[in-house]
Amino acid sequence: MKRLVIVLALLAVAGALLWATVGGGLQGSVEERLQAELVARGLPQPMAECMAGRMAERLSVNQIRKLMKLAPEEGEADIPLNVAEFLERVRRVDDPEVLEVAAGSAAVCAFSQR
């Protein structure tokens, strides 16, 4: 009986991992939250949708959490007025990979929106 419980627990964990990685379970929710946060930070919906997909694929959950915690500094508008201001705020995360992915995503998505 004990072995059956252990086997079932292992199967449940394996199924959850498979769903999260292959089925996009966690990816989808992270992407949706990131998209909502980008829109709340002032990016247009199509741009936020494009960037969130790219960023969710390329950044770790910890890196995305850092991005979501970004707040305007004293004297700054609550919402960045343009992509350059957004990227300047991203620079504060002090993670070169985050800046590279955000800048690359902004560039690719800006050109695909035209």
N, C-alpha and C. Protein backbone atom coordinates (compact mmCIF):
# COMPACT_ATOMS: atom_id res chain seq x y z
N MET A 1 0.82 -1.19 0.00
CA MET A 1 0.00 0.00 0.00
C MET A 1 0.87 1.26 0.00
N LYS A 2 1.93 1.21 0.81
CA LYS A 2 2.83 2.35 0.91
C LYS A 2 3.51 2.61 -0.45
N ARG A 3 3.89 1.54 -1.11
CA ARG A 3 4.53 1.68 -2.43
C ARG A 3 3.56 2.26 -3.46
N LEU A 4 2.31 1.87 -3.37
CA LEU A 4 1.31 2.38 -4.29
C LEU A 4 1.15 3.89 -4.12
N VAL A 5 1.14 4.35 -2.89
CA VAL A 5 1.02 5.78 -2.61
C VAL A 5 2.23 6.52 -3.16
N ILE A 6 3.42 5.97 -2.98
CA ILE A 6 4.64 6.60 -3.48
C ILE A 6 4.62 6.66 -5.01
N VAL A 7 4.22 5.58 -5.64
CA VAL A 7 4.16 5.54 -7.10
C VAL A 7 3.13 6.55 -7.61
N LEU A 8 1.98 6.63 -6.97
CA LEU A 8 0.97 7.59 -7.39
C LEU A 8 1.45 9.03 -7.21
N ALA A 9 2.16 9.28 -6.11
CA ALA A 9 2.70 10.62 -5.88
C ALA A 9 3.73 10.98 -6.95
N LEU A 10 4.60 10.04 -7.29
CA LEU A 10 5.59 10.29 -8.33
C LEU A 10 4.93 10.51 -9.69
N LEU A 11 3.90 9.76 -9.99
CA LEU A 11 3.17 9.96 -11.24
C LEU A 11 2.50 11.33 -11.27
N ALA A 12 1.96 11.75 -10.15
CA ALA A 12 1.32 13.07 -10.08
C ALA A 12 2.34 14.18 -10.31
N VAL A 13 3.50 14.05 -9.69
CA VAL A 13 4.56 15.05 -9.88
C VAL A 13 5.04 15.04 -11.33
N ALA A 14 5.25 13.87 -11.88
CA ALA A 14 5.69 13.79 -13.28
C ALA A 14 4.64 14.37 -14.22
N GLY A 15 3.38 14.10 -13.96
CA GLY A 15 2.32 14.66 -14.79
C GLY A 15 2.26 16.18 -14.70
N ALA A 16 2.44 16.70 -13.49
CA ALA A 16 2.43 18.16 -13.31
C ALA A 16 3.61 18.80 -14.04
N LEU A 17 4.77 18.19 -13.95
CA LEU A 17 5.95 18.71 -14.66
C LEU A 17 5.76 18.66 -16.17
N LEU A 18 5.21 17.57 -16.64
CA LEU A 18 4.96 17.44 -18.07
C LEU A 18 3.97 18.49 -18.55
N TRP A 19 2.89 18.68 -17.78
CA TRP A 19 1.90 19.70 -18.14
C TRP A 19 2.52 21.08 -18.15
N ALA A 20 3.36 21.37 -17.16
CA ALA A 20 3.96 22.70 -17.05
C ALA A 20 4.94 22.98 -18.17
N THR A 21 5.69 21.98 -18.59
CA THR A 21 6.71 22.22 -19.61
C THR A 21 6.20 22.02 -21.03
N VAL A 22 5.55 20.93 -21.29
CA VAL A 22 5.11 20.62 -22.65
C VAL A 22 3.78 21.28 -22.97
N GLY A 23 2.85 21.22 -22.06
CA GLY A 23 1.52 21.75 -22.30
C GLY A 23 1.43 23.25 -22.17
N GLY A 24 2.48 23.89 -21.68
CA GLY A 24 2.46 25.33 -21.54
C GLY A 24 1.68 25.82 -20.34
N GLY A 25 1.40 24.94 -19.40
CA GLY A 25 0.60 25.32 -18.25
C GLY A 25 1.14 26.49 -17.49
N LEU A 26 2.37 26.41 -17.04
CA LEU A 26 2.96 27.53 -16.30
C LEU A 26 3.34 28.65 -17.24
N GLN A 27 3.81 28.31 -18.41
CA GLN A 27 4.22 29.32 -19.38
C GLN A 27 3.07 30.26 -19.71
N GLY A 28 1.89 29.67 -19.92
CA GLY A 28 0.73 30.48 -20.26
C GLY A 28 0.37 31.46 -19.16
N SER A 29 0.35 31.01 -17.93
CA SER A 29 -0.05 31.91 -16.84
C SER A 29 1.01 32.98 -16.61
N VAL A 30 2.28 32.64 -16.71
CA VAL A 30 3.34 33.63 -16.56
C VAL A 30 3.25 34.66 -17.68
N GLU A 31 3.04 34.17 -18.88
CA GLU A 31 2.93 35.07 -20.04
C GLU A 31 1.74 36.01 -19.88
N GLU A 32 0.61 35.49 -19.43
CA GLU A 32 -0.58 36.33 -19.25
C GLU A 32 -0.36 37.39 -18.17
N ARG A 33 0.26 37.00 -17.07
CA ARG A 33 0.53 37.97 -16.00
C ARG A 33 1.52 39.02 -16.47
N LEU A 34 2.54 38.60 -17.19
CA LEU A 34 3.52 39.54 -17.70
C LEU A 34 2.88 40.50 -18.70
N GLN A 35 2.03 39.98 -19.55
CA GLN A 35 1.32 40.82 -20.52
C GLN A 35 0.47 41.86 -19.79
N ALA A 36 -0.26 41.45 -18.79
CA ALA A 36 -1.11 42.37 -18.03
C ALA A 36 -0.26 43.45 -17.35
N GLU A 37 0.89 43.04 -16.84
CA GLU A 37 1.78 44.00 -16.17
C GLU A 37 2.36 44.99 -17.17
N LEU A 38 2.72 44.53 -18.35
CA LEU A 38 3.25 45.43 -19.38
C LEU A 38 2.19 46.44 -19.82
N VAL A 39 0.96 45.99 -19.95
CA VAL A 39 -0.14 46.90 -20.31
C VAL A 39 -0.33 47.91 -19.18
N ALA A 40 -0.29 47.44 -17.94
CA ALA A 40 -0.45 48.34 -16.79
C ALA A 40 0.68 49.36 -16.73
N ARG A 41 1.84 49.00 -17.26
CA ARG A 41 2.99 49.90 -17.27
C ARG A 41 2.96 50.84 -18.48
N GLY A 42 1.93 50.73 -19.31
CA GLY A 42 1.76 51.71 -20.37
C GLY A 42 2.03 51.24 -21.78
N LEU A 43 2.41 49.98 -21.98
CA LEU A 43 2.63 49.50 -23.33
C LEU A 43 1.29 49.19 -24.00
N PRO A 44 1.17 49.48 -25.29
CA PRO A 44 -0.06 49.13 -25.99
C PRO A 44 -0.28 47.61 -25.98
N GLN A 45 -1.52 47.19 -26.00
CA GLN A 45 -1.87 45.77 -25.90
C GLN A 45 -1.15 44.89 -26.92
N PRO A 46 -1.12 45.24 -28.22
CA PRO A 46 -0.43 44.36 -29.18
C PRO A 46 1.08 44.24 -28.88
N MET A 47 1.68 45.35 -28.49
CA MET A 47 3.11 45.33 -28.16
C MET A 47 3.35 44.49 -26.90
N ALA A 48 2.51 44.66 -25.89
CA ALA A 48 2.65 43.89 -24.65
C ALA A 48 2.46 42.40 -24.89
N GLU A 49 1.51 42.06 -25.73
CA GLU A 49 1.25 40.66 -26.06
C GLU A 49 2.46 40.03 -26.74
N CYS A 50 3.01 40.74 -27.70
CA CYS A 50 4.19 40.25 -28.42
C CYS A 50 5.38 40.10 -27.48
N MET A 51 5.65 41.13 -26.69
CA MET A 51 6.82 41.11 -25.81
C MET A 51 6.67 40.07 -24.71
N ALA A 52 5.48 39.93 -24.15
CA ALA A 52 5.27 38.97 -23.06
C ALA A 52 5.56 37.55 -23.51
N GLY A 53 5.14 37.22 -24.72
CA GLY A 53 5.41 35.88 -25.23
C GLY A 53 6.90 35.61 -25.36
N ARG A 54 7.60 36.55 -25.92
CA ARG A 54 9.04 36.39 -26.11
C ARG A 54 9.77 36.36 -24.76
N MET A 55 9.38 37.24 -23.86
CA MET A 55 10.07 37.34 -22.58
C MET A 55 9.78 36.13 -21.69
N ALA A 56 8.55 35.62 -21.73
CA ALA A 56 8.20 34.45 -20.92
C ALA A 56 8.99 33.22 -21.36
N GLU A 57 9.30 33.14 -22.65
CA GLU A 57 10.07 32.01 -23.16
C GLU A 57 11.55 32.11 -22.77
N ARG A 58 12.07 33.31 -22.67
CA ARG A 58 13.52 33.49 -22.54
C ARG A 58 14.01 33.83 -21.14
N LEU A 59 13.11 34.27 -20.25
CA LEU A 59 13.53 34.68 -18.91
C LEU A 59 13.04 33.69 -17.87
N SER A 60 13.78 33.61 -16.78
CA SER A 60 13.36 32.75 -15.67
C SER A 60 12.24 33.44 -14.90
N VAL A 61 11.56 32.67 -14.08
CA VAL A 61 10.49 33.23 -13.27
C VAL A 61 11.04 34.30 -12.34
N ASN A 62 12.23 34.08 -11.78
CA ASN A 62 12.83 35.09 -10.89
C ASN A 62 13.13 36.39 -11.63
N GLN A 63 13.60 36.29 -12.86
CA GLN A 63 13.87 37.49 -13.65
C GLN A 63 12.58 38.23 -13.96
N ILE A 64 11.52 37.50 -14.25
CA ILE A 64 10.23 38.13 -14.54
C ILE A 64 9.68 38.80 -13.28
N ARG A 65 9.87 38.17 -12.14
CA ARG A 65 9.42 38.79 -10.88
C ARG A 65 10.14 40.10 -10.64
N LYS A 66 11.42 40.15 -10.94
CA LYS A 66 12.17 41.40 -10.78
C LYS A 66 11.56 42.49 -11.65
N LEU A 67 11.22 42.13 -12.88
CA LEU A 67 10.61 43.10 -13.79
C LEU A 67 9.28 43.61 -13.26
N MET A 68 8.49 42.72 -12.70
CA MET A 68 7.17 43.10 -12.23
C MET A 68 7.23 44.01 -11.00
N LYS A 69 8.36 44.00 -10.32
CA LYS A 69 8.51 44.84 -9.13
C LYS A 69 9.03 46.24 -9.46
N LEU A 70 9.35 46.48 -10.71
CA LEU A 70 9.86 47.80 -11.09
C LEU A 70 8.83 48.87 -10.79
N ALA A 71 9.29 49.93 -10.18
CA ALA A 71 8.40 51.05 -9.87
C ALA A 71 9.07 52.33 -10.33
N PRO A 72 8.28 53.34 -10.60
CA PRO A 72 8.89 54.61 -11.01
C PRO A 72 9.68 55.23 -9.86
N GLU A 73 10.78 55.86 -10.21
CA GLU A 73 11.56 56.57 -9.20
C GLU A 73 10.97 57.97 -9.03
N GLU A 74 11.43 58.65 -8.02
CA GLU A 74 10.94 59.99 -7.74
C GLU A 74 11.14 60.89 -8.96
N GLY A 75 10.09 61.59 -9.33
CA GLY A 75 10.13 62.49 -10.47
C GLY A 75 9.75 61.85 -11.78
N GLU A 76 9.57 60.54 -11.83
CA GLU A 76 9.19 59.85 -13.05
C GLU A 76 7.66 59.68 -13.11
N ALA A 77 7.15 59.63 -14.31
CA ALA A 77 5.73 59.34 -14.49
C ALA A 77 5.46 57.90 -14.06
N ASP A 78 4.24 57.65 -13.61
CA ASP A 78 3.87 56.29 -13.20
C ASP A 78 4.03 55.30 -14.35
N ILE A 79 3.70 55.77 -15.55
CA ILE A 79 3.79 54.92 -16.74
C ILE A 79 4.83 55.52 -17.67
N PRO A 80 5.80 54.70 -18.13
CA PRO A 80 6.78 55.22 -19.08
C PRO A 80 6.10 55.79 -20.32
N LEU A 81 6.62 56.89 -20.82
CA LEU A 81 5.99 57.55 -21.96
C LEU A 81 6.33 56.91 -23.29
N ASN A 82 7.39 56.11 -23.31
CA ASN A 82 7.77 55.43 -24.55
C ASN A 82 8.61 54.21 -24.21
N VAL A 83 8.97 53.45 -25.23
CA VAL A 83 9.73 52.21 -25.02
C VAL A 83 11.11 52.51 -24.45
N ALA A 84 11.73 53.62 -24.85
CA ALA A 84 13.05 53.98 -24.33
C ALA A 84 13.00 54.18 -22.81
N GLU A 85 11.96 54.84 -22.33
CA GLU A 85 11.82 55.02 -20.88
C GLU A 85 11.57 53.68 -20.19
N PHE A 86 10.78 52.82 -20.83
CA PHE A 86 10.54 51.48 -20.28
C PHE A 86 11.85 50.72 -20.15
N LEU A 87 12.68 50.76 -21.19
CA LEU A 87 13.96 50.05 -21.16
C LEU A 87 14.91 50.65 -20.14
N GLU A 88 14.83 51.95 -19.94
CA GLU A 88 15.66 52.59 -18.92
C GLU A 88 15.30 52.05 -17.54
N ARG A 89 14.03 51.83 -17.32
CA ARG A 89 13.61 51.25 -16.04
C ARG A 89 14.03 49.79 -15.92
N VAL A 90 13.98 49.08 -17.04
CA VAL A 90 14.41 47.67 -17.04
C VAL A 90 15.90 47.59 -16.68
N ARG A 91 16.66 48.57 -17.10
CA ARG A 91 18.09 48.60 -16.80
C ARG A 91 18.34 48.55 -15.29
N ARG A 92 17.41 49.07 -14.50
CA ARG A 92 17.54 49.08 -13.04
C ARG A 92 17.53 47.70 -12.41
N VAL A 93 17.01 46.71 -13.14
CA VAL A 93 16.98 45.35 -12.61
C VAL A 93 18.41 44.85 -12.41
N ASP A 94 19.36 45.46 -13.12
CA ASP A 94 20.78 45.11 -13.01
C ASP A 94 21.03 43.65 -13.37
N ASP A 95 20.40 43.23 -14.47
CA ASP A 95 20.58 41.88 -14.99
C ASP A 95 20.72 42.03 -16.50
N PRO A 96 21.94 41.84 -17.02
CA PRO A 96 22.17 42.04 -18.46
C PRO A 96 21.27 41.19 -19.35
N GLU A 97 20.96 39.99 -18.92
CA GLU A 97 20.11 39.12 -19.74
C GLU A 97 18.69 39.69 -19.82
N VAL A 98 18.17 40.21 -18.72
CA VAL A 98 16.83 40.80 -18.72
C VAL A 98 16.80 41.99 -19.67
N LEU A 99 17.80 42.84 -19.59
CA LEU A 99 17.86 44.01 -20.48
C LEU A 99 17.96 43.58 -21.94
N GLU A 100 18.79 42.60 -22.21
CA GLU A 100 18.96 42.11 -23.59
C GLU A 100 17.66 41.54 -24.14
N VAL A 101 16.98 40.73 -23.34
CA VAL A 101 15.72 40.12 -23.80
C VAL A 101 14.64 41.18 -23.96
N ALA A 102 14.55 42.11 -23.01
CA ALA A 102 13.53 43.16 -23.09
C ALA A 102 13.78 44.07 -24.30
N ALA A 103 15.03 44.47 -24.51
CA ALA A 103 15.35 45.34 -25.64
C ALA A 103 15.13 44.62 -26.97
N GLY A 104 15.58 43.37 -27.04
CA GLY A 104 15.37 42.59 -28.27
C GLY A 104 13.90 42.37 -28.55
N SER A 105 13.14 42.07 -27.52
CA SER A 105 11.70 41.87 -27.69
C SER A 105 11.02 43.15 -28.13
N ALA A 106 11.42 44.27 -27.52
CA ALA A 106 10.83 45.56 -27.90
C ALA A 106 11.12 45.87 -29.37
N ALA A 107 12.35 45.60 -29.80
CA ALA A 107 12.72 45.89 -31.19
C ALA A 107 11.95 45.00 -32.16
N VAL A 108 11.95 43.70 -31.90
CA VAL A 108 11.25 42.76 -32.80
C VAL A 108 9.77 43.08 -32.84
N CYS A 109 9.20 43.33 -31.69
CA CYS A 109 7.75 43.57 -31.63
C CYS A 109 7.38 44.92 -32.24
N ALA A 110 8.24 45.91 -32.09
CA ALA A 110 7.96 47.22 -32.69
C ALA A 110 7.92 47.13 -34.20
N PHE A 111 8.84 46.36 -34.78
CA PHE A 111 8.86 46.22 -36.24
C PHE A 111 7.74 45.31 -36.74
N SER A 112 7.32 44.37 -35.93
CA SER A 112 6.24 43.47 -36.38
C SER A 112 4.88 44.14 -36.28
N GLN A 113 4.78 45.24 -35.53
CA GLN A 113 3.51 45.95 -35.37
C GLN A 113 3.23 46.88 -36.53
N ARG A 114 4.20 47.14 -37.36
CA ARG A 114 4.02 48.12 -38.46
C ARG A 114 3.45 47.49 -39.68
